[in-house]
Protein backbone atom coordinates (compact mmCIF):
# COMPACT_ATOMS: atom_id res chain seq x y z
CA UNK A 1 19.80 187.70 292.26
CA UNK A 2 19.60 191.45 292.92
CA UNK A 3 16.32 192.99 294.08
CA UNK A 4 15.59 196.27 292.28
CA UNK A 5 12.86 198.88 292.39
CA UNK A 6 11.98 200.72 289.18
CA UNK A 7 9.60 203.65 288.98
CA UNK A 8 7.97 205.77 286.30
CA UNK A 9 7.00 208.96 288.12
CA UNK A 10 4.59 211.28 286.32
CA UNK A 11 2.44 214.20 287.29
CA UNK A 12 -0.70 212.11 286.85
CA UNK A 13 0.40 208.54 287.52
CA UNK A 14 3.23 206.77 289.33
CA UNK A 15 4.03 203.16 288.36
CA UNK A 16 6.34 201.07 290.53
CA UNK A 17 7.82 197.70 289.59
CA UNK A 18 9.79 195.29 291.78
CA UNK A 19 12.33 193.35 289.73
CA UNK A 20 14.86 190.57 290.23
CA UNK A 21 18.00 190.89 288.11
CA UNK A 22 20.26 187.92 287.40
CA UNK A 23 24.02 188.09 286.84
CA UNK A 24 23.33 187.93 283.10
CA UNK A 25 21.09 191.03 283.48
CA UNK A 26 17.87 189.15 282.83
CA UNK A 27 14.98 190.91 284.56
CA UNK A 28 12.02 189.18 286.20
CA UNK A 29 9.08 191.25 287.41
CA UNK A 30 7.91 190.26 290.89
CA UNK A 31 5.25 192.87 291.58
CA UNK A 32 3.86 196.02 289.97
CA UNK A 33 1.37 198.65 291.07
CA UNK A 34 0.07 202.00 289.78
CA UNK A 35 -0.87 205.03 291.89
CA UNK A 36 -2.50 208.41 291.32
CA UNK A 37 0.39 210.79 292.01
CA UNK A 38 -1.72 213.71 293.26
CA UNK A 39 -3.12 211.52 296.08
CA UNK A 40 0.28 211.65 297.82
CA UNK A 41 2.40 214.53 299.17
CA UNK A 42 5.66 212.88 298.10
CA UNK A 43 7.14 209.77 296.51
CA UNK A 44 8.23 208.25 299.85
CA UNK A 45 4.75 207.24 301.12
CA UNK A 46 3.93 205.68 297.74
CA UNK A 47 7.06 203.52 297.84
CA UNK A 48 6.45 202.59 301.48
CA UNK A 49 2.88 201.53 300.72
CA UNK A 50 4.07 199.62 297.66
CA UNK A 51 6.75 197.67 299.56
CA UNK A 52 4.31 196.73 302.32
CA UNK A 53 1.84 195.40 299.77
CA UNK A 54 4.59 193.60 297.85
CA UNK A 55 5.58 191.89 301.12
CA UNK A 56 9.24 191.57 300.22
CA UNK A 57 12.68 192.54 301.45
CA UNK A 58 13.93 196.09 300.94
CA UNK A 59 15.36 196.50 297.42
CA UNK A 60 19.12 196.90 297.15
CA UNK A 61 18.88 199.52 294.41
CA UNK A 62 16.24 201.78 292.89
CA UNK A 63 15.91 204.03 289.88
CA UNK A 64 13.05 206.46 289.34
CA UNK A 65 12.29 207.98 285.94
CA UNK A 66 11.01 211.51 286.50
CA UNK A 67 8.69 213.56 284.27
CA UNK A 68 10.84 216.66 284.58
CA UNK A 69 14.45 217.81 284.60
CA UNK A 70 16.98 216.04 286.85
CA UNK A 71 19.94 218.09 288.05
CA UNK A 72 22.64 217.04 290.53
CA UNK A 73 20.60 214.14 291.95
CA UNK A 74 17.53 216.31 292.50
CA UNK A 75 14.28 216.61 290.57
CA UNK A 76 11.18 218.78 290.64
CA UNK A 77 8.25 217.29 288.81
CA UNK A 78 6.70 219.47 286.13
CA UNK A 79 3.08 219.01 287.26
CA UNK A 80 3.52 218.26 290.98
CA UNK A 81 4.93 220.09 294.01
CA UNK A 82 7.22 217.15 294.79
CA UNK A 83 10.92 217.89 295.22
CA UNK A 84 13.03 214.72 295.18
CA UNK A 85 16.62 214.21 296.32
CA UNK A 86 18.44 210.89 296.10
CA UNK A 87 20.13 211.31 299.50
CA UNK A 88 16.82 211.97 301.27
CA UNK A 89 15.09 209.12 299.47
CA UNK A 90 17.88 206.70 300.40
CA UNK A 91 17.63 207.69 304.07
CA UNK A 92 13.83 207.65 304.34
CA UNK A 93 13.32 204.46 302.33
CA UNK A 94 16.35 202.54 303.60
CA UNK A 95 17.44 201.71 300.05
CA UNK A 96 21.26 201.91 299.79
CA UNK A 97 21.47 203.21 296.21
CA UNK A 98 18.90 205.33 294.41
CA UNK A 99 19.16 207.15 291.10
CA UNK A 100 16.87 209.76 289.56
CA UNK A 101 16.83 210.05 285.78
CA UNK A 102 14.76 211.97 283.27
CA UNK A 103 11.84 209.92 281.94
CA UNK A 104 13.11 210.08 278.38
CA UNK A 105 16.56 208.94 279.50
CA UNK A 106 14.72 205.94 280.96
CA UNK A 107 13.26 205.27 277.51
CA UNK A 108 16.84 205.30 276.22
CA UNK A 109 17.90 202.61 278.67
CA UNK A 110 14.66 200.75 277.98
CA UNK A 111 15.41 200.45 274.27
CA UNK A 112 18.28 198.15 275.25
CA UNK A 113 15.86 195.79 277.02
CA UNK A 114 13.15 195.48 274.37
CA UNK A 115 12.24 192.20 272.70
CA UNK A 116 11.34 191.61 269.07
CA UNK A 117 7.62 191.62 269.85
CA UNK A 118 7.97 195.05 271.46
CA UNK A 119 8.89 196.67 268.14
CA UNK A 120 7.40 197.29 264.73
CA UNK A 121 9.91 197.81 261.92
CA UNK A 122 8.96 200.81 259.83
CA UNK A 123 12.15 200.82 257.75
CA UNK A 124 14.67 197.97 257.79
CA UNK A 125 17.65 200.09 256.75
CA UNK A 126 21.20 198.76 257.14
CA UNK A 127 21.96 198.11 260.81
CA UNK A 128 25.41 199.08 262.15
CA UNK A 129 26.10 197.81 265.65
CA UNK A 130 28.66 200.46 266.62
CA UNK A 131 26.59 203.43 265.43
CA UNK A 132 24.50 205.74 267.65
CA UNK A 133 20.90 205.01 268.55
CA UNK A 134 18.33 207.80 268.25
CA UNK A 135 15.04 208.16 270.13
CA UNK A 136 12.13 210.48 269.49
CA UNK A 137 8.72 210.27 271.09
CA UNK A 138 5.57 212.38 270.82
CA UNK A 139 3.17 212.21 273.74
CA UNK A 140 2.23 215.00 276.13
CA UNK A 141 5.38 216.70 274.81
CA UNK A 142 8.12 215.72 272.38
CA UNK A 143 11.09 213.85 273.82
CA UNK A 144 14.37 213.35 272.01
CA UNK A 145 17.61 211.63 272.97
CA UNK A 146 20.40 209.36 271.81
CA UNK A 147 22.75 206.58 272.90
CA UNK A 148 26.44 206.23 272.17
CA UNK A 149 28.26 202.92 272.56
CA UNK A 150 31.22 203.04 274.97
CA UNK A 151 32.95 199.68 275.21
CA UNK A 152 30.38 196.97 275.99
CA UNK A 153 27.80 199.50 277.25
CA UNK A 154 25.76 202.39 275.91
CA UNK A 155 25.78 205.86 277.45
CA UNK A 156 22.33 207.49 277.36
CA UNK A 157 22.00 211.21 276.61
CA UNK A 158 18.62 212.94 276.94
CA UNK A 159 18.13 216.25 275.15
CA UNK A 160 15.66 219.11 274.88
CA UNK A 161 15.43 218.79 271.11
CA UNK A 162 11.64 219.01 271.22
CA UNK A 163 12.04 222.68 272.07
CA UNK A 164 13.99 223.47 268.90
CA UNK A 165 12.22 225.63 266.32
CA UNK A 166 9.40 224.19 264.22
CA UNK A 167 10.57 224.24 260.59
CA UNK A 168 7.67 224.54 258.12
CA UNK A 169 8.22 222.88 254.74
CA UNK A 170 5.33 224.12 252.59
CA UNK A 171 2.69 226.84 252.40
CA UNK A 172 0.17 225.18 254.72
CA UNK A 173 2.80 224.66 257.43
CA UNK A 174 3.95 228.29 257.04
CA UNK A 175 0.32 229.30 257.63
CA UNK A 176 0.23 227.02 260.69
CA UNK A 177 3.38 228.68 262.04
CA UNK A 178 1.89 232.17 261.66
CA UNK A 179 -1.39 230.98 263.20
CA UNK A 180 0.39 229.71 266.32
CA UNK A 181 2.54 232.85 266.61
CA UNK A 182 -0.52 235.08 266.45
CA UNK A 183 -2.75 232.88 268.62
CA UNK A 184 -0.30 232.68 271.50
CA UNK A 185 1.39 236.06 271.06
CA UNK A 186 4.84 234.47 270.94
CA UNK A 187 7.99 235.10 268.91
CA UNK A 188 8.89 231.50 268.06
CA UNK A 189 7.16 228.12 267.83
CA UNK A 190 8.85 225.00 269.12
CA UNK A 191 8.41 221.76 267.22
CA UNK A 192 6.76 220.36 270.36
CA UNK A 193 3.81 222.72 269.79
CA UNK A 194 3.12 220.81 266.57
CA UNK A 195 4.45 217.28 267.14
CA UNK A 196 2.74 216.22 270.38
CA UNK A 197 -0.71 215.61 271.81
CA UNK A 198 -1.23 219.34 272.18
CA UNK A 199 0.07 219.69 268.62
CA UNK A 200 -2.73 217.51 267.27
CA UNK A 201 -5.26 219.85 268.86
CA UNK A 202 -3.38 222.93 267.61
CA UNK A 203 -3.40 221.62 264.03
CA UNK A 204 -7.12 220.82 264.32
CA UNK A 205 -7.86 224.35 265.59
CA UNK A 206 -5.82 225.83 262.75
CA UNK A 207 -7.61 223.83 260.05
CA UNK A 208 -10.98 224.46 261.72
CA UNK A 209 -10.44 228.21 261.90
CA UNK A 210 -9.25 228.24 258.28
CA UNK A 211 -12.48 226.37 257.39
CA UNK A 212 -10.50 223.69 255.54
CA UNK A 213 -13.33 221.21 256.20
CA UNK A 214 -16.62 221.23 258.15
CA UNK A 215 -16.49 220.40 261.86
CA UNK A 216 -18.48 217.50 263.36
CA UNK A 217 -20.71 218.62 266.25
CA UNK A 218 -19.57 215.86 268.64
CA UNK A 219 -15.87 216.54 268.11
CA UNK A 220 -16.49 220.28 268.19
CA UNK A 221 -18.01 219.94 271.67
CA UNK A 222 -15.01 217.97 272.97
CA UNK A 223 -12.56 220.54 271.59
CA UNK A 224 -14.61 223.43 273.03
CA UNK A 225 -14.62 221.76 276.45
CA UNK A 226 -10.84 221.33 276.26
CA UNK A 227 -10.43 224.99 275.31
CA UNK A 228 -12.64 226.15 278.19
CA UNK A 229 -10.59 224.11 280.66
CA UNK A 230 -7.33 225.81 279.64
CA UNK A 231 -5.13 226.45 282.67
CA UNK A 232 -6.51 223.55 284.69
CA UNK A 233 -3.98 220.96 285.87
CA UNK A 234 -6.18 218.11 284.64
CA UNK A 235 -8.71 218.40 281.85
CA UNK A 236 -11.79 216.22 281.56
CA UNK A 237 -11.38 215.42 277.86
CA UNK A 238 -8.57 214.37 275.51
CA UNK A 239 -9.38 215.80 272.07
CA UNK A 240 -6.08 214.59 270.60
CA UNK A 241 -7.11 210.98 271.17
CA UNK A 242 -10.61 211.63 269.82
CA UNK A 243 -9.24 213.30 266.69
CA UNK A 244 -6.82 210.43 266.11
CA UNK A 245 -9.56 207.81 266.50
CA UNK A 246 -11.90 209.65 264.13
CA UNK A 247 -9.12 209.83 261.55
CA UNK A 248 -8.37 206.12 261.91
CA UNK A 249 -12.03 205.32 261.38
CA UNK A 250 -12.19 207.68 258.37
CA UNK A 251 -15.38 209.25 259.69
CA UNK A 252 -14.33 212.88 259.90
CA UNK A 253 -12.56 214.74 257.09
CA UNK A 254 -11.24 217.52 259.34
CA UNK A 255 -9.68 214.95 261.69
CA UNK A 256 -8.17 213.04 258.77
CA UNK A 257 -6.52 216.19 257.45
CA UNK A 258 -5.33 217.07 260.96
CA UNK A 259 -3.63 213.72 261.41
CA UNK A 260 -2.15 213.82 257.90
CA UNK A 261 -0.44 217.13 258.70
CA UNK A 262 0.61 215.83 262.13
CA UNK A 263 2.14 212.60 260.80
CA UNK A 264 4.03 214.47 258.08
CA UNK A 265 5.45 216.93 260.63
CA UNK A 266 6.36 214.00 262.91
CA UNK A 267 8.21 212.23 260.12
CA UNK A 268 10.03 215.41 259.12
CA UNK A 269 11.22 216.05 262.68
CA UNK A 270 12.30 212.42 263.08
CA UNK A 271 14.32 212.93 259.92
CA UNK A 272 15.83 216.13 261.35
CA UNK A 273 17.06 214.20 264.39
CA UNK A 274 18.33 211.35 262.22
CA UNK A 275 20.29 213.61 259.88
CA UNK A 276 22.14 215.04 262.90
CA UNK A 277 22.90 211.70 264.56
CA UNK A 278 23.05 209.20 261.67
CA UNK A 279 21.73 206.51 264.06
CA UNK A 280 22.46 203.43 261.99
CA UNK A 281 21.92 201.28 265.10
CA UNK A 282 18.30 202.39 264.92
CA UNK A 283 15.96 205.34 265.31
CA UNK A 284 13.24 204.42 267.79
CA UNK A 285 9.83 206.10 267.76
CA UNK A 286 8.67 206.17 271.38
CA UNK A 287 5.83 208.00 273.13
CA UNK A 288 2.17 207.20 273.57
CA UNK A 289 0.85 208.48 270.25
CA UNK A 290 2.58 206.32 267.63
CA UNK A 291 1.23 202.90 268.78
CA UNK A 292 -2.32 204.32 268.82
CA UNK A 293 -2.16 205.55 265.22
CA UNK A 294 -0.02 202.83 263.65
CA UNK A 295 -2.03 202.56 260.39
CA UNK A 296 -1.75 206.32 259.89
CA UNK A 297 2.02 206.16 260.25
CA UNK A 298 2.47 203.02 258.17
CA UNK A 299 0.18 204.09 255.32
CA UNK A 300 0.91 207.81 255.13
CA UNK A 301 3.80 210.13 254.35
CA UNK A 302 5.77 209.57 257.56
CA UNK A 303 8.67 207.79 255.87
CA UNK A 304 8.49 210.12 252.87
CA UNK A 305 8.99 213.24 255.00
CA UNK A 306 11.53 211.34 257.12
CA UNK A 307 13.77 210.71 254.11
CA UNK A 308 12.94 213.92 252.21
CA UNK A 309 16.22 215.67 252.99
CA UNK A 310 17.54 216.48 249.52
CA UNK A 311 20.97 215.05 248.79
CA UNK A 312 20.94 213.26 252.17
CA UNK A 313 17.96 211.07 251.23
CA UNK A 314 20.11 208.01 250.51
CA UNK A 315 21.66 208.20 253.99
CA UNK A 316 18.28 208.33 255.70
CA UNK A 317 16.98 205.39 253.70
CA UNK A 318 19.68 203.24 255.32
CA UNK A 319 18.69 204.08 258.92
CA UNK A 320 16.59 201.38 260.64
CA UNK A 321 13.38 202.90 262.01
CA UNK A 322 11.33 201.16 264.69
CA UNK A 323 8.12 201.99 266.53
CA UNK A 324 8.12 200.98 270.20
CA UNK A 325 4.91 199.09 270.98
CA UNK A 326 5.69 198.36 274.64
CA UNK A 327 4.38 201.33 276.59
CA UNK A 328 6.31 200.33 279.72
CA UNK A 329 9.68 200.87 278.07
CA UNK A 330 10.46 203.54 280.69
CA UNK A 331 10.04 201.04 283.52
CA UNK A 332 12.30 198.57 281.72
CA UNK A 333 14.84 201.36 281.35
CA UNK A 334 14.64 202.38 285.01
CA UNK A 335 15.30 198.77 286.03
CA UNK A 336 18.28 198.48 283.67
CA UNK A 337 19.65 201.77 284.99
CA UNK A 338 19.29 200.48 288.56
CA UNK A 339 21.31 197.39 287.63
CA UNK A 340 24.24 199.66 286.70
CA UNK A 341 24.30 201.50 290.04
């Protein structure tokens, strides 16, 4: 058995998991703990505290999934002042082999370790084992990536596809595009500004300001608080979650229309990724939003806008589409990546 340390390192929260890996690559979790990232000056003291509490031998390998870009074995977290280097971490922690990977790359590895109960099939399609795998996930931002099979293994490729241009498809989305351009004084709008947690709020603000439907006082207060806290590292409210819940409960027309536009844009962008990759081994919907709004995705126009690509519709209807229900897929991926070191 090989002792591994997997980590999901975010600006708000750091989750560490100690894992035993068998020769057949079966993973068994020994110990797991979560920490508030901002309470520590660096990753090293968190890991040291974790290993003391776990009361175990030093892991032989470790892989940390980082919420930020990873370049030449170094990483600077997007919302923290931490600067991480594999060589320094190996020396200070006494772990012989450490890897840093982008958090969405970890999701890519994690897809390979998911079980049937971790997935919801949105479209069965026609599975092809040798084809690429695609991943897209809306959460704080919009992650995109893909996997290509090379011999018995898959190579994981993260991307910055979420920063590609938002492509409106009808008059209301063209109005949304102009609204965001004018509101932020920018020359282009990335798809992440629409398909993400911040995108839900942006769509709500757009529909509110266009007086598409009346605004509920309680939700209005939450959105106003969020707007007033702009620029703060941590905000006290999460209007995206509130808007999604209100839409699920069908108690607020403005929220329902917001989520309808969001889900349609999400499906369209998932289709954009799929048409480029043709991932007949599966397109996986990751991120924190999809599992929380499952009925809205299952019973709305997500699959319609996903497949609505003109003459290419028949190709997209054959791509298996899954929603990842296991929110610790990144930790699974970090462990699987550590195994390969």
